[in-house]
Amino acid sequence: MPFPQPDEMHPVQLVGGGRHKGTVFLKAVLNHPRIAVGDYTYMSAHDDLCDPDQIAARLAPYLFAFSPERLVIGKFCQIADGVRIITASANHRRDGLSTFPFAIFDGGAADGRPSMPAPGPDTIIGNDVWLGAGATVMPGARIGDGVIVAAGAVVTGSAAPYTVIGGNPAQVIRRRLPATAAARMQALAWWDWPIDHILEHEALICGTDLDALEAAAPRRA
């Protein structure tokens, strides 16, 4: 069976035929103007994922078409059931005496209203990131390439590439790779290789021999 294309909605074929409706390649389904997602990044759930609008709302419930911030997710990310990405449009002002958002209740323009916060930062998730079940990513988080986010973690701030993080707020549990090896992996950027070359070298990508993986990189023209 050929490897699915990144624009295939339900890429997991079941034994006996049919597709697993609880797994989607996000690039195939999302047309949200404030979300950018890379090839082969998938989201899984214990129920069917079929409606693009519902998938976007489930993943990033406070990111609207008119939101000033963006959500950017890299390639080959793995997003487990129950993950929520809380983007900056969920924020209230928290620098004054009250956090109450009066402006959203009277039907007028919210821009410039004293009860509304200023536009917040983008949320950026790198390549080959695994977001464990029930993890929450908070506004403006920056998650580096190769990070593993433990189930139930609450991610704020930045997570260095190739670390394992967990807890609330999430802290580094351990490094997956030494900093020098992590830098080599980012320079290698296997996620940008042609998919046939990736599949040919699956064992190296999922193995531990970084020298051999570097040697297997496709030659640049």
N, C-alpha and C. Protein backbone atom coordinates (compact mmCIF):
# COMPACT_ATOMS: atom_id res chain seq x y z
N MET A 1 0.85 -1.19 0.00
CA MET A 1 0.00 0.00 0.00
C MET A 1 0.88 1.24 0.00
N PRO A 2 0.66 2.18 -0.91
CA PRO A 2 1.49 3.38 -0.94
C PRO A 2 1.25 4.27 0.27
N PHE A 3 2.28 5.03 0.63
CA PHE A 3 2.14 5.96 1.75
C PHE A 3 1.14 7.04 1.34
N PRO A 4 0.24 7.45 2.26
CA PRO A 4 -0.77 8.43 1.88
C PRO A 4 -0.18 9.79 1.55
N GLN A 5 -0.87 10.52 0.72
CA GLN A 5 -0.49 11.89 0.39
C GLN A 5 -0.90 12.82 1.53
N PRO A 6 -0.21 13.96 1.71
CA PRO A 6 -0.54 14.86 2.82
C PRO A 6 -1.90 15.52 2.68
N ASP A 7 -2.51 15.44 1.50
CA ASP A 7 -3.84 16.03 1.32
C ASP A 7 -4.95 14.99 1.45
N GLU A 8 -4.60 13.81 1.99
CA GLU A 8 -5.61 12.77 2.23
C GLU A 8 -6.21 12.99 3.61
N MET A 9 -7.53 13.09 3.68
CA MET A 9 -8.18 13.48 4.93
C MET A 9 -7.97 12.43 6.02
N HIS A 10 -8.32 11.18 5.72
CA HIS A 10 -8.21 10.10 6.70
C HIS A 10 -7.16 9.12 6.20
N PRO A 11 -5.90 9.26 6.66
CA PRO A 11 -4.80 8.52 6.04
C PRO A 11 -4.61 7.10 6.55
N VAL A 12 -5.28 6.70 7.63
CA VAL A 12 -5.05 5.38 8.21
C VAL A 12 -6.08 4.40 7.66
N GLN A 13 -5.58 3.40 6.92
CA GLN A 13 -6.46 2.38 6.36
C GLN A 13 -6.64 1.25 7.35
N LEU A 14 -7.88 0.84 7.57
CA LEU A 14 -8.19 -0.22 8.51
C LEU A 14 -8.05 -1.58 7.85
N VAL A 15 -7.75 -2.57 8.67
CA VAL A 15 -7.72 -3.94 8.17
C VAL A 15 -9.12 -4.32 7.69
N GLY A 16 -9.19 -4.81 6.49
CA GLY A 16 -10.48 -5.18 5.94
C GLY A 16 -11.14 -4.07 5.15
N GLY A 17 -10.45 -2.93 5.03
CA GLY A 17 -10.98 -1.82 4.25
C GLY A 17 -11.54 -0.70 5.11
N GLY A 18 -11.81 0.41 4.49
CA GLY A 18 -12.30 1.56 5.22
C GLY A 18 -11.17 2.38 5.80
N ARG A 19 -11.52 3.52 6.34
CA ARG A 19 -10.55 4.45 6.89
C ARG A 19 -10.88 4.76 8.34
N HIS A 20 -9.83 5.00 9.14
CA HIS A 20 -10.04 5.38 10.53
C HIS A 20 -10.44 6.85 10.57
N LYS A 21 -11.71 7.11 10.87
CA LYS A 21 -12.24 8.47 10.82
C LYS A 21 -11.77 9.34 11.98
N GLY A 22 -11.08 8.74 12.95
CA GLY A 22 -10.59 9.51 14.08
C GLY A 22 -9.18 10.02 13.90
N THR A 23 -8.58 9.82 12.74
CA THR A 23 -7.25 10.34 12.46
C THR A 23 -7.30 11.14 11.17
N VAL A 24 -6.79 12.37 11.21
CA VAL A 24 -6.82 13.23 10.02
C VAL A 24 -5.46 13.88 9.82
N PHE A 25 -5.06 14.01 8.56
CA PHE A 25 -3.97 14.92 8.20
C PHE A 25 -4.56 16.33 8.20
N LEU A 26 -4.05 17.18 9.07
CA LEU A 26 -4.68 18.48 9.25
C LEU A 26 -4.60 19.36 8.01
N LYS A 27 -3.51 19.24 7.26
CA LYS A 27 -3.39 20.07 6.06
C LYS A 27 -4.50 19.79 5.07
N ALA A 28 -5.02 18.55 5.10
CA ALA A 28 -6.07 18.17 4.17
C ALA A 28 -7.43 18.73 4.54
N VAL A 29 -7.62 19.11 5.80
CA VAL A 29 -8.96 19.49 6.25
C VAL A 29 -9.08 20.95 6.68
N LEU A 30 -7.99 21.56 7.10
CA LEU A 30 -8.11 22.91 7.65
C LEU A 30 -7.98 23.96 6.55
N ASN A 31 -8.94 24.86 6.52
CA ASN A 31 -8.86 26.02 5.63
C ASN A 31 -8.99 27.31 6.42
N HIS A 32 -8.60 27.25 7.69
CA HIS A 32 -8.70 28.41 8.58
C HIS A 32 -7.66 29.44 8.18
N PRO A 33 -8.06 30.70 8.02
CA PRO A 33 -7.11 31.72 7.53
C PRO A 33 -6.00 32.05 8.51
N ARG A 34 -6.13 31.64 9.78
CA ARG A 34 -5.11 31.98 10.77
C ARG A 34 -4.31 30.77 11.22
N ILE A 35 -4.47 29.64 10.54
CA ILE A 35 -3.72 28.43 10.87
C ILE A 35 -2.90 28.01 9.66
N ALA A 36 -1.61 27.77 9.88
CA ALA A 36 -0.74 27.18 8.87
C ALA A 36 -0.20 25.87 9.43
N VAL A 37 -0.32 24.79 8.67
CA VAL A 37 0.11 23.47 9.16
C VAL A 37 0.88 22.76 8.06
N GLY A 38 1.94 22.03 8.45
CA GLY A 38 2.80 21.37 7.49
C GLY A 38 2.30 20.00 7.08
N ASP A 39 2.96 19.45 6.07
CA ASP A 39 2.62 18.14 5.54
C ASP A 39 2.74 17.05 6.61
N TYR A 40 1.82 16.10 6.57
CA TYR A 40 1.83 14.87 7.36
C TYR A 40 1.61 15.08 8.86
N THR A 41 1.32 16.29 9.28
CA THR A 41 0.93 16.50 10.68
C THR A 41 -0.49 15.97 10.86
N TYR A 42 -0.66 15.12 11.88
CA TYR A 42 -1.98 14.51 12.06
C TYR A 42 -2.52 14.75 13.47
N MET A 43 -3.84 14.66 13.56
CA MET A 43 -4.57 14.78 14.82
C MET A 43 -5.40 13.52 14.98
N SER A 44 -5.43 12.98 16.20
CA SER A 44 -6.21 11.78 16.46
C SER A 44 -7.23 12.04 17.56
N ALA A 45 -8.32 11.28 17.52
CA ALA A 45 -9.37 11.39 18.54
C ALA A 45 -10.04 10.04 18.68
N HIS A 46 -10.81 9.90 19.76
CA HIS A 46 -11.54 8.67 20.01
C HIS A 46 -12.93 8.69 19.38
N ASP A 47 -13.21 9.73 18.61
CA ASP A 47 -14.45 9.79 17.85
C ASP A 47 -14.10 10.30 16.46
N ASP A 48 -15.09 10.39 15.58
CA ASP A 48 -14.83 10.76 14.20
C ASP A 48 -14.45 12.23 14.07
N LEU A 49 -13.49 12.48 13.20
CA LEU A 49 -13.07 13.83 12.86
C LEU A 49 -13.36 14.02 11.37
N CYS A 50 -14.46 14.70 11.07
CA CYS A 50 -14.90 14.80 9.69
C CYS A 50 -15.20 16.23 9.25
N ASP A 51 -15.65 17.07 10.16
CA ASP A 51 -16.05 18.42 9.80
C ASP A 51 -14.88 19.37 10.02
N PRO A 52 -14.38 20.02 8.95
CA PRO A 52 -13.21 20.89 9.09
C PRO A 52 -13.38 22.01 10.11
N ASP A 53 -14.57 22.61 10.16
CA ASP A 53 -14.81 23.70 11.11
C ASP A 53 -14.77 23.18 12.54
N GLN A 54 -15.35 22.01 12.76
CA GLN A 54 -15.32 21.44 14.10
C GLN A 54 -13.91 21.02 14.52
N ILE A 55 -13.13 20.53 13.55
CA ILE A 55 -11.75 20.15 13.85
C ILE A 55 -10.94 21.37 14.26
N ALA A 56 -11.08 22.47 13.52
CA ALA A 56 -10.37 23.69 13.86
C ALA A 56 -10.79 24.22 15.23
N ALA A 57 -12.10 24.19 15.51
CA ALA A 57 -12.60 24.69 16.78
C ALA A 57 -12.17 23.80 17.94
N ARG A 58 -12.04 22.53 17.68
CA ARG A 58 -11.60 21.59 18.71
C ARG A 58 -10.12 21.78 19.03
N LEU A 59 -9.32 22.01 17.99
CA LEU A 59 -7.89 22.17 18.17
C LEU A 59 -7.54 23.53 18.76
N ALA A 60 -8.12 24.58 18.23
CA ALA A 60 -7.78 25.94 18.66
C ALA A 60 -9.08 26.73 18.84
N PRO A 61 -9.81 26.50 19.95
CA PRO A 61 -11.18 27.01 20.07
C PRO A 61 -11.31 28.53 20.13
N TYR A 62 -10.24 29.25 20.42
CA TYR A 62 -10.33 30.70 20.55
C TYR A 62 -9.67 31.43 19.38
N LEU A 63 -9.31 30.71 18.34
CA LEU A 63 -8.70 31.33 17.17
C LEU A 63 -9.78 31.52 16.12
N PHE A 64 -10.10 32.77 15.84
CA PHE A 64 -11.18 33.11 14.92
C PHE A 64 -10.60 33.64 13.61
N ALA A 65 -11.44 33.67 12.58
CA ALA A 65 -10.98 34.17 11.28
C ALA A 65 -10.49 35.61 11.37
N PHE A 66 -11.04 36.37 12.30
CA PHE A 66 -10.65 37.78 12.45
C PHE A 66 -9.56 37.99 13.50
N SER A 67 -9.05 36.91 14.09
CA SER A 67 -8.02 37.05 15.12
C SER A 67 -6.74 37.63 14.52
N PRO A 68 -6.04 38.47 15.27
CA PRO A 68 -4.79 39.03 14.74
C PRO A 68 -3.62 38.05 14.79
N GLU A 69 -3.67 37.07 15.70
CA GLU A 69 -2.56 36.14 15.84
C GLU A 69 -2.74 34.94 14.92
N ARG A 70 -1.66 34.17 14.78
CA ARG A 70 -1.69 32.95 13.97
C ARG A 70 -1.26 31.76 14.82
N LEU A 71 -1.64 30.57 14.35
CA LEU A 71 -1.14 29.31 14.86
C LEU A 71 -0.37 28.66 13.73
N VAL A 72 0.91 28.36 13.97
CA VAL A 72 1.77 27.76 12.96
C VAL A 72 2.26 26.42 13.49
N ILE A 73 2.00 25.35 12.77
CA ILE A 73 2.39 23.99 13.15
C ILE A 73 3.23 23.40 12.03
N GLY A 74 4.36 22.80 12.37
CA GLY A 74 5.28 22.26 11.38
C GLY A 74 4.84 20.94 10.79
N LYS A 75 5.78 20.25 10.18
CA LYS A 75 5.53 18.98 9.50
C LYS A 75 5.69 17.80 10.46
N PHE A 76 5.00 16.72 10.15
CA PHE A 76 5.15 15.44 10.85
C PHE A 76 4.88 15.55 12.36
N CYS A 77 4.00 16.45 12.77
CA CYS A 77 3.62 16.54 14.18
C CYS A 77 2.53 15.52 14.49
N GLN A 78 2.45 15.13 15.75
CA GLN A 78 1.51 14.11 16.20
C GLN A 78 0.69 14.71 17.35
N ILE A 79 -0.59 14.89 17.13
CA ILE A 79 -1.45 15.59 18.07
C ILE A 79 -2.49 14.61 18.60
N ALA A 80 -2.38 14.28 19.88
CA ALA A 80 -3.21 13.25 20.48
C ALA A 80 -4.59 13.79 20.86
N ASP A 81 -5.45 12.87 21.26
CA ASP A 81 -6.82 13.23 21.66
C ASP A 81 -6.81 14.22 22.82
N GLY A 82 -7.68 15.20 22.75
CA GLY A 82 -7.86 16.14 23.85
C GLY A 82 -6.89 17.29 23.90
N VAL A 83 -5.99 17.40 22.93
CA VAL A 83 -5.06 18.55 22.91
C VAL A 83 -5.85 19.81 22.61
N ARG A 84 -5.53 20.88 23.33
CA ARG A 84 -6.13 22.19 23.09
C ARG A 84 -5.01 23.23 22.97
N ILE A 85 -5.11 24.04 21.93
CA ILE A 85 -4.16 25.12 21.73
C ILE A 85 -4.91 26.42 21.98
N ILE A 86 -4.57 27.07 23.08
CA ILE A 86 -5.26 28.30 23.49
C ILE A 86 -4.46 29.48 22.95
N THR A 87 -4.99 30.13 21.94
CA THR A 87 -4.28 31.23 21.29
C THR A 87 -4.61 32.56 21.96
N ALA A 88 -3.93 33.61 21.51
CA ALA A 88 -3.96 34.89 22.22
C ALA A 88 -5.33 35.54 22.26
N SER A 89 -6.21 35.22 21.32
CA SER A 89 -7.54 35.83 21.34
C SER A 89 -8.38 35.38 22.53
N ALA A 90 -7.93 34.37 23.26
CA ALA A 90 -8.61 33.96 24.49
C ALA A 90 -8.26 34.86 25.67
N ASN A 91 -7.24 35.70 25.52
CA ASN A 91 -6.75 36.48 26.66
C ASN A 91 -7.72 37.59 27.07
N HIS A 92 -7.70 37.90 28.36
CA HIS A 92 -8.33 39.09 28.91
C HIS A 92 -7.22 40.02 29.38
N ARG A 93 -7.55 41.26 29.57
CA ARG A 93 -6.58 42.15 30.21
C ARG A 93 -6.33 41.67 31.64
N ARG A 94 -5.08 41.69 32.02
CA ARG A 94 -4.74 41.29 33.38
C ARG A 94 -3.77 42.26 34.03
N ASP A 95 -3.69 43.46 33.44
CA ASP A 95 -2.78 44.48 33.99
C ASP A 95 -3.53 45.58 34.74
N GLY A 96 -4.86 45.46 34.81
CA GLY A 96 -5.65 46.48 35.48
C GLY A 96 -6.39 45.92 36.68
N LEU A 97 -7.34 46.68 37.19
CA LEU A 97 -8.06 46.28 38.38
C LEU A 97 -9.09 45.19 38.12
N SER A 98 -9.61 45.11 36.87
CA SER A 98 -10.55 44.06 36.51
C SER A 98 -10.13 43.39 35.22
N THR A 99 -10.44 42.11 35.10
CA THR A 99 -10.19 41.37 33.86
C THR A 99 -11.44 41.23 33.00
N PHE A 100 -12.57 41.82 33.39
CA PHE A 100 -13.83 41.57 32.71
C PHE A 100 -13.86 42.22 31.33
N PRO A 101 -14.23 41.44 30.26
CA PRO A 101 -14.21 41.96 28.89
C PRO A 101 -15.54 42.62 28.51
N PHE A 102 -15.82 43.78 29.06
CA PHE A 102 -17.10 44.47 28.81
C PHE A 102 -17.42 44.60 27.33
N ALA A 103 -16.41 44.81 26.50
CA ALA A 103 -16.62 45.16 25.09
C ALA A 103 -17.30 44.05 24.30
N ILE A 104 -17.20 42.79 24.74
CA ILE A 104 -17.76 41.72 23.91
C ILE A 104 -19.27 41.56 24.10
N PHE A 105 -19.86 42.31 25.04
CA PHE A 105 -21.27 42.10 25.36
C PHE A 105 -22.21 43.16 24.82
N ASP A 106 -21.69 44.27 24.34
CA ASP A 106 -22.63 45.32 23.93
C ASP A 106 -22.75 45.49 22.43
N GLY A 107 -22.13 44.59 21.67
CA GLY A 107 -22.32 44.59 20.22
C GLY A 107 -21.53 45.63 19.46
N GLY A 108 -20.78 46.44 20.13
CA GLY A 108 -19.99 47.46 19.45
C GLY A 108 -18.63 46.94 19.04
N ALA A 109 -17.86 47.80 18.38
CA ALA A 109 -16.50 47.43 17.98
C ALA A 109 -15.63 47.27 19.22
N ALA A 110 -14.87 46.19 19.25
CA ALA A 110 -14.00 45.91 20.40
C ALA A 110 -12.66 46.62 20.29
N ASP A 111 -12.26 46.99 19.07
CA ASP A 111 -10.95 47.61 18.88
C ASP A 111 -10.83 48.89 19.69
N GLY A 112 -9.76 48.96 20.45
CA GLY A 112 -9.49 50.18 21.20
C GLY A 112 -10.26 50.31 22.50
N ARG A 113 -11.14 49.35 22.79
CA ARG A 113 -11.89 49.42 24.04
C ARG A 113 -10.97 49.16 25.22
N PRO A 114 -11.14 49.89 26.32
CA PRO A 114 -10.22 49.74 27.44
C PRO A 114 -10.29 48.39 28.14
N SER A 115 -11.38 47.66 27.94
CA SER A 115 -11.48 46.34 28.59
C SER A 115 -10.87 45.22 27.76
N MET A 116 -10.36 45.54 26.56
CA MET A 116 -9.81 44.50 25.69
C MET A 116 -8.28 44.57 25.66
N PRO A 117 -7.62 43.41 25.64
CA PRO A 117 -6.16 43.42 25.59
C PRO A 117 -5.65 43.77 24.20
N ALA A 118 -4.39 44.14 24.14
CA ALA A 118 -3.75 44.36 22.84
C ALA A 118 -3.57 43.01 22.14
N PRO A 119 -3.40 43.02 20.81
CA PRO A 119 -3.17 41.76 20.09
C PRO A 119 -1.98 41.00 20.67
N GLY A 120 -2.14 39.69 20.74
CA GLY A 120 -1.10 38.86 21.33
C GLY A 120 -0.23 38.18 20.29
N PRO A 121 0.77 37.43 20.74
CA PRO A 121 1.73 36.82 19.82
C PRO A 121 1.18 35.56 19.15
N ASP A 122 1.86 35.18 18.06
CA ASP A 122 1.56 33.92 17.41
C ASP A 122 1.97 32.76 18.31
N THR A 123 1.39 31.60 18.07
CA THR A 123 1.79 30.36 18.72
C THR A 123 2.47 29.49 17.67
N ILE A 124 3.69 29.03 17.97
CA ILE A 124 4.50 28.34 16.98
C ILE A 124 4.88 26.96 17.51
N ILE A 125 4.58 25.93 16.73
CA ILE A 125 4.94 24.55 17.05
C ILE A 125 5.82 24.04 15.92
N GLY A 126 6.97 23.49 16.27
CA GLY A 126 7.96 23.07 15.28
C GLY A 126 7.59 21.80 14.56
N ASN A 127 8.59 21.15 14.00
CA ASN A 127 8.42 19.91 13.24
C ASN A 127 8.65 18.69 14.13
N ASP A 128 7.98 17.58 13.81
CA ASP A 128 8.15 16.32 14.53
C ASP A 128 7.93 16.50 16.03
N VAL A 129 6.90 17.25 16.39
CA VAL A 129 6.52 17.47 17.78
C VAL A 129 5.38 16.52 18.13
N TRP A 130 5.47 15.91 19.29
CA TRP A 130 4.41 15.01 19.78
C TRP A 130 3.74 15.69 20.96
N LEU A 131 2.46 16.04 20.77
CA LEU A 131 1.65 16.63 21.83
C LEU A 131 0.80 15.51 22.43
N GLY A 132 1.09 15.14 23.68
CA GLY A 132 0.42 14.02 24.32
C GLY A 132 -1.02 14.32 24.68
N ALA A 133 -1.77 13.29 24.99
CA ALA A 133 -3.21 13.39 25.25
C ALA A 133 -3.51 14.43 26.32
N GLY A 134 -4.46 15.30 26.01
CA GLY A 134 -4.93 16.27 26.98
C GLY A 134 -3.97 17.42 27.24
N ALA A 135 -2.90 17.55 26.47
CA ALA A 135 -1.98 18.67 26.66
C ALA A 135 -2.65 19.98 26.26
N THR A 136 -2.24 21.05 26.91
CA THR A 136 -2.74 22.39 26.60
C THR A 136 -1.55 23.28 26.26
N VAL A 137 -1.64 23.95 25.12
CA VAL A 137 -0.61 24.89 24.70
C VAL A 137 -1.17 26.29 24.87
N MET A 138 -0.49 27.11 25.63
CA MET A 138 -1.00 28.43 25.99
C MET A 138 -0.56 29.50 24.98
N PRO A 139 -1.21 30.67 25.00
CA PRO A 139 -0.94 31.71 24.00
C PRO A 139 0.54 32.07 23.92
N GLY A 140 1.02 32.16 22.68
CA GLY A 140 2.38 32.61 22.45
C GLY A 140 3.45 31.58 22.71
N ALA A 141 3.08 30.33 23.00
CA ALA A 141 4.09 29.30 23.25
C ALA A 141 4.92 29.08 21.99
N ARG A 142 6.17 28.72 22.20
CA ARG A 142 7.09 28.36 21.12
C ARG A 142 7.65 26.98 21.45
N ILE A 143 7.26 25.99 20.67
CA ILE A 143 7.68 24.61 20.92
C ILE A 143 8.64 24.21 19.81
N GLY A 144 9.87 23.86 20.19
CA GLY A 144 10.90 23.58 19.21
C GLY A 144 10.72 22.25 18.52
N ASP A 145 11.51 22.04 17.46
CA ASP A 145 11.49 20.79 16.72
C ASP A 145 11.78 19.61 17.65
N GLY A 146 11.09 18.49 17.40
CA GLY A 146 11.41 17.26 18.10
C GLY A 146 11.01 17.19 19.56
N VAL A 147 10.21 18.13 20.03
CA VAL A 147 9.80 18.14 21.45
C VAL A 147 8.71 17.09 21.67
N ILE A 148 8.75 16.44 22.82
CA ILE A 148 7.67 15.58 23.29
C ILE A 148 7.00 16.29 24.47
N VAL A 149 5.70 16.52 24.37
CA VAL A 149 4.92 17.17 25.42
C VAL A 149 4.11 16.08 26.12
N ALA A 150 4.34 15.90 27.41
CA ALA A 150 3.69 14.83 28.16
C ALA A 150 2.17 15.05 28.22
N ALA A 151 1.45 13.95 28.38
CA ALA A 151 -0.01 14.01 28.52
C ALA A 151 -0.38 14.93 29.68
N GLY A 152 -1.35 15.81 29.42
CA GLY A 152 -1.86 16.69 30.46
C GLY A 152 -0.99 17.90 30.77
N ALA A 153 0.12 18.06 30.07
CA ALA A 153 1.01 19.19 30.34
C ALA A 153 0.35 20.50 29.91
N VAL A 154 0.78 21.59 30.54
CA VAL A 154 0.35 22.93 30.18
C VAL A 154 1.59 23.70 29.77
N VAL A 155 1.69 23.99 28.47
CA VAL A 155 2.91 24.56 27.91
C VAL A 155 2.78 26.07 27.83
N THR A 156 3.69 26.76 28.50
CA THR A 156 3.79 28.21 28.41
C THR A 156 5.21 28.56 27.99
N GLY A 157 5.41 29.70 27.41
CA GLY A 157 6.77 30.12 27.07
C GLY A 157 7.36 29.27 25.96
N SER A 158 8.66 28.98 26.08
CA SER A 158 9.39 28.28 25.03
C SER A 158 9.85 26.91 25.51
N ALA A 159 9.87 25.95 24.58
CA ALA A 159 10.42 24.62 24.85
C ALA A 159 11.55 24.39 23.86
N ALA A 160 12.75 24.12 24.38
CA ALA A 160 13.92 23.94 23.52
C ALA A 160 13.77 22.70 22.66
N PRO A 161 14.35 22.70 21.47
CA PRO A 161 14.25 21.53 20.59
C PRO A 161 14.76 20.26 21.27
N TYR A 162 14.10 19.16 20.94
CA TYR A 162 14.49 17.82 21.38
C TYR A 162 14.57 17.70 22.90
N THR A 163 13.55 18.25 23.56
CA THR A 163 13.38 18.03 24.99
C THR A 163 12.07 17.31 25.23
N VAL A 164 11.96 16.70 26.40
CA VAL A 164 10.70 16.13 26.88
C VAL A 164 10.22 17.02 28.01
N ILE A 165 8.99 17.55 27.88
CA ILE A 165 8.48 18.48 28.88
C ILE A 165 7.17 17.96 29.44
N GLY A 166 6.89 18.32 30.69
CA GLY A 166 5.65 17.88 31.31
C GLY A 166 5.35 18.70 32.55
N GLY A 167 4.11 18.61 33.02
CA GLY A 167 3.70 19.31 34.23
C GLY A 167 2.93 20.59 33.92
N ASN A 168 2.58 21.31 34.99
CA ASN A 168 1.83 22.57 34.89
C ASN A 168 2.43 23.58 35.87
N PRO A 169 3.15 24.57 35.33
CA PRO A 169 3.52 24.75 33.93
C PRO A 169 4.57 23.74 33.51
N ALA A 170 4.61 23.43 32.21
CA ALA A 170 5.52 22.39 31.73
C ALA A 170 6.97 22.79 31.96
N GLN A 171 7.73 21.83 32.45
CA GLN A 171 9.16 21.98 32.67
C GLN A 171 9.90 20.87 31.95
N VAL A 172 11.18 21.07 31.70
CA VAL A 172 11.98 20.04 31.05
C VAL A 172 12.14 18.85 31.98
N ILE A 173 11.74 17.68 31.51
CA ILE A 173 11.93 16.44 32.25
C ILE A 173 13.31 15.87 31.93
N ARG A 174 13.65 15.89 30.67
CA ARG A 174 14.98 15.47 30.23
C ARG A 174 15.20 15.96 28.81
N ARG A 175 16.42 15.93 28.36
CA ARG A 175 16.74 16.20 26.97
C ARG A 175 16.65 14.90 26.18
N ARG A 176 16.04 14.95 25.02
CA ARG A 176 16.06 13.79 24.12
C ARG A 176 17.43 13.64 23.50
N LEU A 177 18.06 14.74 23.19
CA LEU A 177 19.38 14.75 22.57
C LEU A 177 20.22 15.84 23.22
N PRO A 178 21.55 15.67 23.29
CA PRO A 178 22.40 16.78 23.70
C PRO A 178 22.21 17.98 22.76
N ALA A 179 22.52 19.16 23.24
CA ALA A 179 22.28 20.37 22.46
C ALA A 179 22.98 20.33 21.11
N THR A 180 24.20 19.78 21.07
CA THR A 180 24.92 19.73 19.79
C THR A 180 24.22 18.78 18.81
N ALA A 181 23.74 17.65 19.31
CA ALA A 181 23.03 16.71 18.44
C ALA A 181 21.69 17.29 17.98
N ALA A 182 21.01 18.01 18.87
CA ALA A 182 19.75 18.65 18.50
C ALA A 182 19.98 19.66 17.38
N ALA A 183 21.07 20.43 17.47
CA ALA A 183 21.39 21.39 16.42
C ALA A 183 21.68 20.69 15.10
N ARG A 184 22.35 19.55 15.16
CA ARG A 184 22.63 18.79 13.94
C ARG A 184 21.32 18.28 13.32
N MET A 185 20.40 17.82 14.15
CA MET A 185 19.11 17.35 13.64
C MET A 185 18.34 18.48 12.97
N GLN A 186 18.38 19.66 13.56
CA GLN A 186 17.66 20.78 12.96
C GLN A 186 18.30 21.20 11.64
N ALA A 187 19.63 21.13 11.59
CA ALA A 187 20.31 21.44 10.33
C ALA A 187 20.01 20.39 9.26
N LEU A 188 19.88 19.14 9.70
CA LEU A 188 19.56 18.05 8.78
C LEU A 188 18.14 18.18 8.23
N ALA A 189 17.19 18.56 9.10
CA ALA A 189 15.80 18.83 8.70
C ALA A 189 15.24 17.71 7.81
N TRP A 190 15.25 16.49 8.34
CA TRP A 190 14.78 15.35 7.54
C TRP A 190 13.34 15.54 7.08
N TRP A 191 12.57 16.32 7.81
CA TRP A 191 11.15 16.52 7.47
C TRP A 191 10.97 17.28 6.15
N ASP A 192 12.05 17.87 5.65
CA ASP A 192 11.98 18.55 4.36
C ASP A 192 12.44 17.66 3.21
N TRP A 193 12.87 16.43 3.50
CA TRP A 193 13.27 15.52 2.43
C TRP A 193 12.04 15.07 1.64
N PRO A 194 12.24 14.63 0.41
CA PRO A 194 11.12 14.01 -0.33
C PRO A 194 10.59 12.80 0.44
N ILE A 195 9.30 12.59 0.40
CA ILE A 195 8.70 11.53 1.21
C ILE A 195 9.26 10.16 0.84
N ASP A 196 9.57 9.91 -0.42
CA ASP A 196 10.14 8.61 -0.79
C ASP A 196 11.50 8.41 -0.12
N HIS A 197 12.28 9.46 -0.02
CA HIS A 197 13.59 9.36 0.62
C HIS A 197 13.43 9.16 2.13
N ILE A 198 12.45 9.82 2.70
CA ILE A 198 12.15 9.63 4.13
C ILE A 198 11.80 8.17 4.40
N LEU A 199 10.90 7.62 3.61
CA LEU A 199 10.47 6.24 3.83
C LEU A 199 11.61 5.26 3.60
N GLU A 200 12.47 5.56 2.64
CA GLU A 200 13.62 4.69 2.38
C GLU A 200 14.55 4.62 3.59
N HIS A 201 14.59 5.72 4.35
CA HIS A 201 15.51 5.79 5.49
C HIS A 201 14.76 5.85 6.82
N GLU A 202 13.59 5.25 6.86
CA GLU A 202 12.77 5.24 8.07
C GLU A 202 13.54 4.69 9.27
N ALA A 203 14.30 3.62 9.06
CA ALA A 203 15.02 3.00 10.18
C ALA A 203 16.05 3.96 10.77
N LEU A 204 16.71 4.74 9.92
CA LEU A 204 17.69 5.70 10.43
C LEU A 204 17.01 6.87 11.14
N ILE A 205 15.91 7.35 10.57
CA ILE A 205 15.20 8.48 11.17
C ILE A 205 14.67 8.11 12.56
N CYS A 206 14.24 6.87 12.71
CA CYS A 206 13.70 6.40 13.99
C CYS A 206 14.75 5.71 14.85
N GLY A 207 15.99 5.67 14.39
CA GLY A 207 17.06 5.02 15.13
C GLY A 207 17.86 5.99 15.97
N THR A 208 19.13 5.65 16.21
CA THR A 208 19.96 6.45 17.10
C THR A 208 21.30 6.85 16.49
N ASP A 209 21.54 6.46 15.23
CA ASP A 209 22.84 6.73 14.61
C ASP A 209 22.76 8.02 13.80
N LEU A 210 23.09 9.13 14.44
CA LEU A 210 22.98 10.43 13.77
C LEU A 210 23.98 10.56 12.63
N ASP A 211 25.18 10.02 12.80
CA ASP A 211 26.17 10.08 11.71
C ASP A 211 25.62 9.40 10.45
N ALA A 212 25.01 8.23 10.63
CA ALA A 212 24.47 7.51 9.48
C ALA A 212 23.31 8.27 8.86
N LEU A 213 22.49 8.90 9.68
CA LEU A 213 21.38 9.67 9.13
C LEU A 213 21.89 10.87 8.32
N GLU A 214 22.90 11.54 8.84
CA GLU A 214 23.48 12.65 8.08
C GLU A 214 24.04 12.17 6.75
N ALA A 215 24.67 10.99 6.77
CA ALA A 215 25.24 10.45 5.53
C ALA A 215 24.16 10.09 4.52
N ALA A 216 22.96 9.82 5.00
CA ALA A 216 21.85 9.43 4.12
C ALA A 216 21.10 10.61 3.55
N ALA A 217 21.42 11.81 3.95
CA ALA A 217 20.69 12.99 3.47
C ALA A 217 20.81 13.10 1.96
N PRO A 218 19.73 13.49 1.30
CA PRO A 218 19.80 13.62 -0.16
C PRO A 218 20.79 14.70 -0.56
N ARG A 219 21.47 14.48 -1.65
CA ARG A 219 22.45 15.45 -2.13
C ARG A 219 21.74 16.68 -2.64
N ARG A 220 22.27 17.82 -2.28
CA ARG A 220 21.68 19.08 -2.76
C ARG A 220 22.18 19.37 -4.17
N ALA A 221 21.26 19.89 -4.98
CA ALA A 221 21.62 20.20 -6.37
C ALA A 221 22.58 21.39 -6.42
